[in-house]
Amino acid sequence: MLMLFAGYGSSVQGTEVGGLYEATAPVAGSEAAARNGAIREAFGKVLVKITGNSRIATRKAVAEDLGNAARYVEQYRYEPAPAVAGSDQAGQLLQVSFDKSELDRLLQRRGLPVWSANRPSVLVWVGEERQGKRRLLNPDIDADLRLPLDQVAAERGLPLLLPIMDLEDQGQLQVADIWGDFETNIRAASRRYAPDLILTGRLVGGNAGMWRGEWRLYFADSQHNWNNEAASRNDLVADALRRTADSLADRFAPLRDERSLSTVRLRVAGITSLADYAAILELLSTQSTLDRVVVALVEPDAVIYDLHGQGGVSALQRGLDIGGLIETDPEGAFQPAASSVPVDLYYRMR
């Protein structure tokens, strides 16, 4: 089971994810009943993307909202479903866009998180062993492997990076580096992609058609590993990316019944212009754990904020670290100009 652990570090930059309030679902026809059924399915998919929780639709507070999904629709359109090999039946999909403002307000009323669109990116390196031979998989050549990765990234709203496996990649990283967990080489080869996280996998074909996966997730200053099994390598990589998404959502958009934050006082030093002030307010407005932000005190080169929410201090700190706008200021409390007002978190402009 993928465990949660601290240590993202201030190097997490994040990537803006689009399409969080859009989803497609199969539709049997243009009749209202069929269309409404597809809208409900699309609504459930969108809830997963924007809350980060894969089981959000099972919560009692959401059951009634699924039945009223049509009221949150902004627009929809029909489009042909992709052709399925071996089938001559043409299907249809319903592409649905939901109203962001209305949906955010709904989730706020339900006490559910809205995960910011600025999310940590994940670079994936995968090695494979078949009949004793090992190789690094190439997302362009191994197109069947890329498909489940792209699908999971889209369904979870996760910024996915895949190596292009050109001569530079091939010279920087060998399959032995993945099998030996040679972290220095893996991080060096990944640097060109500037990922926030690195996920490596070792896929081994076993008996009776089963596959075994061994995974390692590299954070800025820590790592974690786990194993999984499945009937195919595609199922292995899809499961690994879903586990990664679950871990990130639990950290950056925890459910209310897991929250403990009431009010935290934040001091940000180095704010010397209106542009800085506006940038900090924009950053705070993207934090899904916060319900309200109040300016408590303005100093000559710093601003102190009262942050009201239910996300836990650790979740708040991880959210503030994304984007690279501010960084922790361990010496802030000891500066001569520091305010006498009690402060919980000290940060400074980069």
Protein backbone atom coordinates (compact mmCIF):
# COMPACT_ATOMS: atom_id res chain seq x y z
CA MET A 1 0.00 0.00 0.00
CA LEU A 2 1.32 3.45 -0.88
CA MET A 3 2.11 5.31 2.32
CA LEU A 4 2.12 9.05 2.91
CA PHE A 5 5.27 10.75 4.01
CA ALA A 6 6.71 14.19 4.44
CA GLY A 7 9.44 15.83 2.41
CA TYR A 8 8.29 17.53 -0.76
CA GLY A 9 10.65 20.38 -0.06
CA SER A 10 10.46 23.91 -1.44
CA SER A 11 11.51 22.79 -4.95
CA VAL A 12 7.97 21.75 -5.88
CA GLN A 13 6.92 24.10 -8.67
CA GLY A 14 3.66 22.57 -9.86
CA THR A 15 1.98 22.59 -13.28
CA GLU A 16 -1.33 24.17 -14.21
CA VAL A 17 -3.83 21.45 -15.19
CA GLY A 18 -6.67 22.18 -17.60
CA GLY A 19 -9.95 20.40 -18.22
CA LEU A 20 -10.67 19.67 -14.57
CA TYR A 21 -14.35 20.59 -14.97
CA GLU A 22 -14.86 18.56 -18.15
CA ALA A 23 -15.45 14.84 -18.73
CA THR A 24 -16.87 12.45 -21.30
CA ALA A 25 -19.20 9.51 -20.82
CA PRO A 26 -20.78 6.97 -23.19
CA VAL A 27 -24.33 7.86 -24.19
CA ALA A 28 -26.90 5.49 -25.70
CA GLY A 29 -28.84 8.13 -27.63
CA SER A 30 -30.10 11.69 -27.73
CA GLU A 31 -33.13 11.07 -25.50
CA ALA A 32 -33.22 12.98 -22.22
CA ALA A 33 -32.99 9.84 -20.06
CA ALA A 34 -29.86 8.60 -21.84
CA ARG A 35 -28.31 12.05 -21.83
CA ASN A 36 -28.98 12.59 -18.11
CA GLY A 37 -27.41 9.24 -17.32
CA ALA A 38 -24.26 10.23 -19.20
CA ILE A 39 -24.23 13.61 -17.45
CA ARG A 40 -24.34 11.88 -14.05
CA GLU A 41 -21.41 9.67 -15.03
CA ALA A 42 -19.42 12.65 -16.31
CA PHE A 43 -20.26 14.56 -13.12
CA GLY A 44 -18.83 11.73 -11.00
CA LYS A 45 -15.63 11.80 -13.05
CA VAL A 46 -15.28 15.55 -12.60
CA LEU A 47 -15.78 15.25 -8.84
CA VAL A 48 -12.88 12.80 -8.72
CA LYS A 49 -10.65 15.18 -10.65
CA ILE A 50 -11.36 18.32 -8.67
CA THR A 51 -11.41 16.75 -5.20
CA GLY A 52 -8.64 14.25 -5.94
CA ASN A 53 -10.58 11.53 -4.12
CA SER A 54 -11.29 8.43 -6.21
CA ARG A 55 -14.09 7.35 -3.86
CA ILE A 56 -15.82 10.70 -3.58
CA ALA A 57 -19.04 9.48 -5.24
CA THR A 58 -19.56 6.94 -2.43
CA ARG A 59 -19.87 9.65 0.22
CA LYS A 60 -23.39 10.21 1.49
CA ALA A 61 -23.18 13.98 1.02
CA VAL A 62 -22.60 13.53 -2.72
CA ALA A 63 -25.30 10.96 -3.53
CA GLU A 64 -28.08 13.55 -3.93
CA ASP A 65 -25.83 15.84 -5.96
CA LEU A 66 -25.18 13.09 -8.51
CA GLY A 67 -28.92 12.91 -9.10
CA ASN A 68 -28.99 16.66 -9.73
CA ALA A 69 -25.90 16.74 -11.93
CA ALA A 70 -27.73 18.37 -14.86
CA ARG A 71 -28.21 21.62 -12.95
CA TYR A 72 -24.43 22.19 -12.92
CA VAL A 73 -23.92 21.67 -16.66
CA GLU A 74 -22.49 24.62 -18.56
CA GLN A 75 -22.56 22.97 -21.99
CA TYR A 76 -22.45 19.55 -23.65
CA ARG A 77 -21.96 18.08 -27.08
CA TYR A 78 -22.12 14.68 -28.73
CA GLU A 79 -19.11 13.18 -30.42
CA PRO A 80 -18.32 9.79 -31.97
CA ALA A 81 -16.69 7.23 -29.72
CA PRO A 82 -13.27 5.87 -30.79
CA ALA A 83 -13.47 2.75 -32.92
CA VAL A 84 -13.00 -0.52 -31.06
CA ALA A 85 -10.97 -3.24 -32.74
CA GLY A 86 -13.11 -6.19 -33.80
CA SER A 87 -16.39 -4.28 -33.47
CA ASP A 88 -18.46 -2.66 -36.21
CA GLN A 89 -20.78 -0.88 -33.76
CA ALA A 90 -20.51 2.90 -33.72
CA GLY A 91 -20.97 4.51 -30.33
CA GLN A 92 -21.35 8.03 -29.04
CA LEU A 93 -19.80 10.01 -26.24
CA LEU A 94 -21.21 13.00 -24.41
CA GLN A 95 -18.63 15.70 -23.72
CA VAL A 96 -19.82 17.70 -20.70
CA SER A 97 -18.46 20.94 -19.23
CA PHE A 98 -19.61 21.90 -15.75
CA ASP A 99 -19.86 25.37 -14.20
CA LYS A 100 -16.71 25.86 -12.13
CA SER A 101 -18.11 28.52 -9.80
CA GLU A 102 -21.29 26.59 -9.03
CA LEU A 103 -19.43 23.34 -8.51
CA ASP A 104 -16.85 24.93 -6.23
CA ARG A 105 -19.64 26.45 -4.15
CA LEU A 106 -21.38 23.07 -3.95
CA LEU A 107 -18.25 21.35 -2.68
CA GLN A 108 -17.68 24.11 -0.16
CA ARG A 109 -21.21 23.63 1.19
CA ARG A 110 -20.59 19.89 1.43
CA GLY A 111 -17.30 20.44 3.28
CA LEU A 112 -15.34 18.77 0.48
CA PRO A 113 -11.95 19.91 -0.83
CA VAL A 114 -11.25 21.56 -4.18
CA TRP A 115 -7.73 20.63 -5.23
CA SER A 116 -5.95 23.55 -6.87
CA ALA A 117 -5.29 23.29 -10.62
CA ASN A 118 -1.59 23.85 -9.83
CA ARG A 119 -0.45 20.29 -9.16
CA PRO A 120 2.88 18.45 -8.83
CA SER A 121 4.12 16.92 -12.08
CA VAL A 122 5.20 13.27 -12.24
CA LEU A 123 7.88 11.90 -14.57
CA VAL A 124 7.60 8.14 -15.21
CA TRP A 125 10.48 5.82 -16.13
CA VAL A 126 9.60 2.16 -16.66
CA GLY A 127 11.82 -0.88 -17.20
CA GLU A 128 10.64 -4.31 -18.31
CA GLU A 129 12.01 -7.83 -17.90
CA ARG A 130 10.84 -10.62 -20.17
CA GLN A 131 12.48 -14.02 -20.45
CA GLY A 132 15.50 -12.75 -18.58
CA LYS A 133 16.02 -9.73 -20.84
CA ARG A 134 15.60 -6.17 -19.56
CA ARG A 135 15.01 -2.91 -21.39
CA LEU A 136 13.74 0.60 -20.81
CA LEU A 137 10.29 1.13 -22.27
CA ASN A 138 9.84 3.88 -24.85
CA PRO A 139 6.45 5.67 -24.67
CA ASP A 140 6.45 6.18 -28.45
CA ILE A 141 7.37 2.62 -29.38
CA ASP A 142 5.41 1.00 -26.55
CA ALA A 143 2.23 2.87 -27.39
CA ASP A 144 0.05 0.35 -25.57
CA LEU A 145 1.85 1.30 -22.34
CA ARG A 146 1.41 5.02 -22.91
CA LEU A 147 -2.36 4.72 -23.33
CA PRO A 148 -3.21 3.68 -19.72
CA LEU A 149 -0.81 6.31 -18.35
CA ASP A 150 -2.47 9.06 -20.38
CA GLN A 151 -5.93 7.80 -19.40
CA VAL A 152 -5.20 7.76 -15.67
CA ALA A 153 -3.49 11.17 -15.81
CA ALA A 154 -6.58 12.60 -17.54
CA GLU A 155 -9.08 10.99 -15.18
CA ARG A 156 -7.20 12.18 -12.08
CA GLY A 157 -6.05 15.59 -13.31
CA LEU A 158 -2.39 14.69 -12.83
CA PRO A 159 0.40 16.44 -14.81
CA LEU A 160 2.21 13.54 -16.48
CA LEU A 161 5.69 13.67 -17.99
CA LEU A 162 7.08 10.85 -20.14
CA PRO A 163 10.70 10.66 -21.33
CA ILE A 164 11.20 11.05 -25.07
CA MET A 165 13.98 8.43 -24.99
CA ASP A 166 16.19 10.24 -27.48
CA LEU A 167 19.97 9.86 -27.56
CA GLU A 168 20.34 12.12 -24.52
CA ASP A 169 17.98 9.99 -22.44
CA GLN A 170 19.61 6.79 -23.62
CA GLY A 171 23.03 8.14 -22.73
CA GLN A 172 21.95 9.39 -19.31
CA LEU A 173 19.93 6.41 -18.07
CA GLN A 174 20.31 2.66 -18.46
CA VAL A 175 17.87 -0.06 -17.50
CA ALA A 176 20.40 -1.12 -14.85
CA ASP A 177 19.88 2.24 -13.13
CA ILE A 178 16.18 1.47 -12.71
CA TRP A 179 16.85 -2.07 -11.50
CA GLY A 180 19.55 -0.92 -9.11
CA ASP A 181 17.63 2.12 -7.85
CA PHE A 182 20.63 4.31 -8.62
CA GLU A 183 19.04 7.52 -7.43
CA THR A 184 21.84 9.85 -8.51
CA ASN A 185 21.63 8.68 -12.12
CA ILE A 186 17.84 8.70 -12.13
CA ARG A 187 17.66 12.26 -10.83
CA ALA A 188 20.36 13.42 -13.24
CA ALA A 189 18.55 11.94 -16.25
CA SER A 190 15.27 13.46 -15.07
CA ARG A 191 16.61 16.98 -14.59
CA ARG A 192 15.94 18.04 -18.19
CA TYR A 193 12.20 17.47 -17.62
CA ALA A 194 12.11 19.48 -14.34
CA PRO A 195 9.57 17.15 -12.67
CA ASP A 196 8.24 17.62 -9.15
CA LEU A 197 8.16 13.84 -8.58
CA ILE A 198 9.80 10.87 -10.29
CA LEU A 199 8.09 7.48 -10.51
CA THR A 200 10.16 4.46 -11.57
CA GLY A 201 8.85 0.98 -12.21
CA ARG A 202 10.34 -2.47 -12.75
CA LEU A 203 7.88 -4.74 -14.55
CA VAL A 204 8.51 -8.48 -14.58
CA GLY A 205 6.46 -11.01 -16.52
CA GLY A 206 5.69 -13.96 -14.29
CA ASN A 207 4.02 -17.35 -14.44
CA ALA A 208 0.45 -17.89 -15.65
CA GLY A 209 0.51 -14.56 -17.46
CA MET A 210 0.71 -12.50 -14.28
CA TRP A 211 2.94 -9.43 -14.04
CA ARG A 212 4.69 -8.05 -10.97
CA GLY A 213 5.61 -4.41 -10.52
CA GLU A 214 8.14 -2.85 -8.18
CA TRP A 215 7.75 0.93 -7.86
CA ARG A 216 9.70 3.77 -6.34
CA LEU A 217 8.40 7.31 -5.96
CA TYR A 218 11.07 9.99 -5.58
CA PHE A 219 10.17 13.24 -3.84
CA ALA A 220 12.50 16.22 -3.50
CA ASP A 221 14.18 14.77 -0.40
CA SER A 222 12.61 11.38 0.24
CA GLN A 223 11.32 8.29 -1.53
CA HIS A 224 8.94 5.40 -1.10
CA ASN A 225 8.58 1.99 -2.73
CA TRP A 226 5.79 -0.58 -3.08
CA ASN A 227 4.87 -3.65 -5.15
CA ASN A 228 1.78 -4.64 -7.12
CA GLU A 229 0.54 -7.48 -9.30
CA ALA A 230 -1.82 -7.58 -12.27
CA ALA A 231 -2.73 -9.60 -15.33
CA SER A 232 -0.91 -7.20 -17.68
CA ARG A 233 1.82 -4.60 -17.56
CA ASN A 234 -0.72 -1.95 -18.61
CA ASP A 235 -2.78 -2.70 -15.51
CA LEU A 236 0.38 -2.43 -13.40
CA VAL A 237 1.28 1.07 -14.60
CA ALA A 238 -2.33 2.28 -14.38
CA ASP A 239 -2.57 1.08 -10.78
CA ALA A 240 0.77 2.70 -9.90
CA LEU A 241 -0.26 6.08 -11.27
CA ARG A 242 -3.62 5.90 -9.48
CA ARG A 243 -1.83 5.18 -6.20
CA THR A 244 0.43 8.15 -6.82
CA ALA A 245 -2.60 10.37 -7.49
CA ASP A 246 -4.30 9.12 -4.31
CA SER A 247 -1.20 9.96 -2.28
CA LEU A 248 -0.95 13.49 -3.68
CA ALA A 249 -4.66 14.16 -3.21
CA ASP A 250 -4.52 12.99 0.40
CA ARG A 251 -1.71 15.44 1.01
CA PHE A 252 -2.92 18.48 -0.93
CA ALA A 253 -6.71 18.13 -0.69
CA PRO A 254 -7.54 16.13 2.46
CA LEU A 255 -11.16 15.40 3.22
CA ARG A 256 -12.75 17.47 5.97
CA ASP A 257 -13.06 14.58 8.40
CA GLU A 258 -9.27 14.29 8.22
CA ARG A 259 -8.68 18.00 8.81
CA SER A 260 -7.60 19.78 11.94
CA LEU A 261 -6.76 23.39 11.01
CA SER A 262 -8.85 26.20 12.47
CA THR A 263 -6.72 29.36 12.23
CA VAL A 264 -3.04 29.72 11.35
CA ARG A 265 -1.12 32.99 11.34
CA LEU A 266 1.28 33.36 8.41
CA ARG A 267 3.97 36.00 8.03
CA VAL A 268 5.45 36.62 4.57
CA ALA A 269 8.55 38.82 4.48
CA GLY A 270 9.95 40.60 1.45
CA ILE A 271 6.64 42.02 0.19
CA THR A 272 7.78 45.37 -1.17
CA SER A 273 5.26 46.16 -3.90
CA LEU A 274 1.60 45.90 -4.82
CA ALA A 275 2.57 43.20 -7.31
CA ASP A 276 4.06 41.10 -4.49
CA TYR A 277 0.98 41.67 -2.37
CA ALA A 278 -1.35 40.62 -5.19
CA ALA A 279 0.76 37.54 -5.98
CA ILE A 280 0.55 36.34 -2.38
CA LEU A 281 -3.23 36.80 -2.30
CA GLU A 282 -3.48 34.84 -5.54
CA LEU A 283 -1.39 32.02 -4.06
CA LEU A 284 -3.53 31.89 -0.93
CA SER A 285 -6.72 31.88 -2.99
CA THR A 286 -5.62 28.63 -4.67
CA GLN A 287 -5.23 26.74 -1.37
CA SER A 288 -8.04 24.22 -1.15
CA THR A 289 -7.61 23.90 2.62
CA LEU A 290 -8.49 27.55 3.26
CA ASP A 291 -11.96 29.01 3.64
CA ARG A 292 -11.00 32.60 4.42
CA VAL A 293 -7.90 34.83 4.39
CA VAL A 294 -7.68 37.98 6.55
CA VAL A 295 -4.83 40.50 6.59
CA ALA A 296 -3.95 40.82 10.28
CA LEU A 297 -1.05 43.26 10.11
CA VAL A 298 1.02 45.13 7.51
CA GLU A 299 4.68 45.75 8.32
CA PRO A 300 7.21 47.81 6.29
CA ASP A 301 8.37 44.78 4.28
CA ALA A 302 6.05 41.99 5.42
CA VAL A 303 2.38 41.09 5.76
CA ILE A 304 0.79 38.88 8.41
CA TYR A 305 -2.29 36.87 7.40
CA ASP A 306 -4.85 34.98 9.46
CA LEU A 307 -5.70 31.82 7.50
CA HIS A 308 -8.99 30.12 8.36
CA GLY A 309 -9.70 26.60 7.15
CA GLN A 310 -9.78 22.89 7.92
CA GLY A 311 -6.75 21.45 6.20
CA GLY A 312 -4.08 20.87 8.79
CA VAL A 313 -0.86 22.86 9.01
CA SER A 314 1.16 20.25 7.09
CA ALA A 315 -1.25 20.29 4.14
CA LEU A 316 -1.16 24.09 4.13
CA GLN A 317 2.64 24.14 4.11
CA ARG A 318 2.77 21.70 1.19
CA GLY A 319 0.36 23.88 -0.75
CA LEU A 320 2.37 27.04 -0.08
CA ASP A 321 5.55 25.35 -1.30
CA ILE A 322 4.08 24.72 -4.76
CA GLY A 323 4.78 27.39 -7.34
CA GLY A 324 8.10 28.68 -6.04
CA LEU A 325 6.72 32.13 -5.12
CA ILE A 326 7.65 31.93 -1.43
CA GLU A 327 9.91 29.78 0.73
CA THR A 328 10.14 29.00 4.41
CA ASP A 329 11.97 31.58 6.52
CA PRO A 330 13.38 29.70 9.55
CA GLU A 331 15.11 32.84 10.82
CA GLY A 332 12.01 35.02 10.49
CA ALA A 333 11.09 34.86 14.15
CA PHE A 334 14.54 36.08 15.15
CA GLN A 335 14.77 39.09 12.85
CA PRO A 336 14.83 42.48 14.65
CA ALA A 337 11.99 43.76 12.44
CA ALA A 338 9.76 40.75 13.15
CA SER A 339 6.38 41.64 14.66
CA SER A 340 5.54 40.94 18.27
CA VAL A 341 2.23 39.43 17.06
CA PRO A 342 2.29 35.62 17.56
CA VAL A 343 3.00 33.88 14.23
CA ASP A 344 2.73 30.18 13.35
CA LEU A 345 4.42 30.05 9.93
CA TYR A 346 7.25 32.24 8.64
CA TYR A 347 7.82 32.57 4.89
CA ARG A 348 9.63 35.01 2.62
CA MET A 349 9.44 36.01 -1.04
CA ARG A 350 11.89 34.21 -3.28
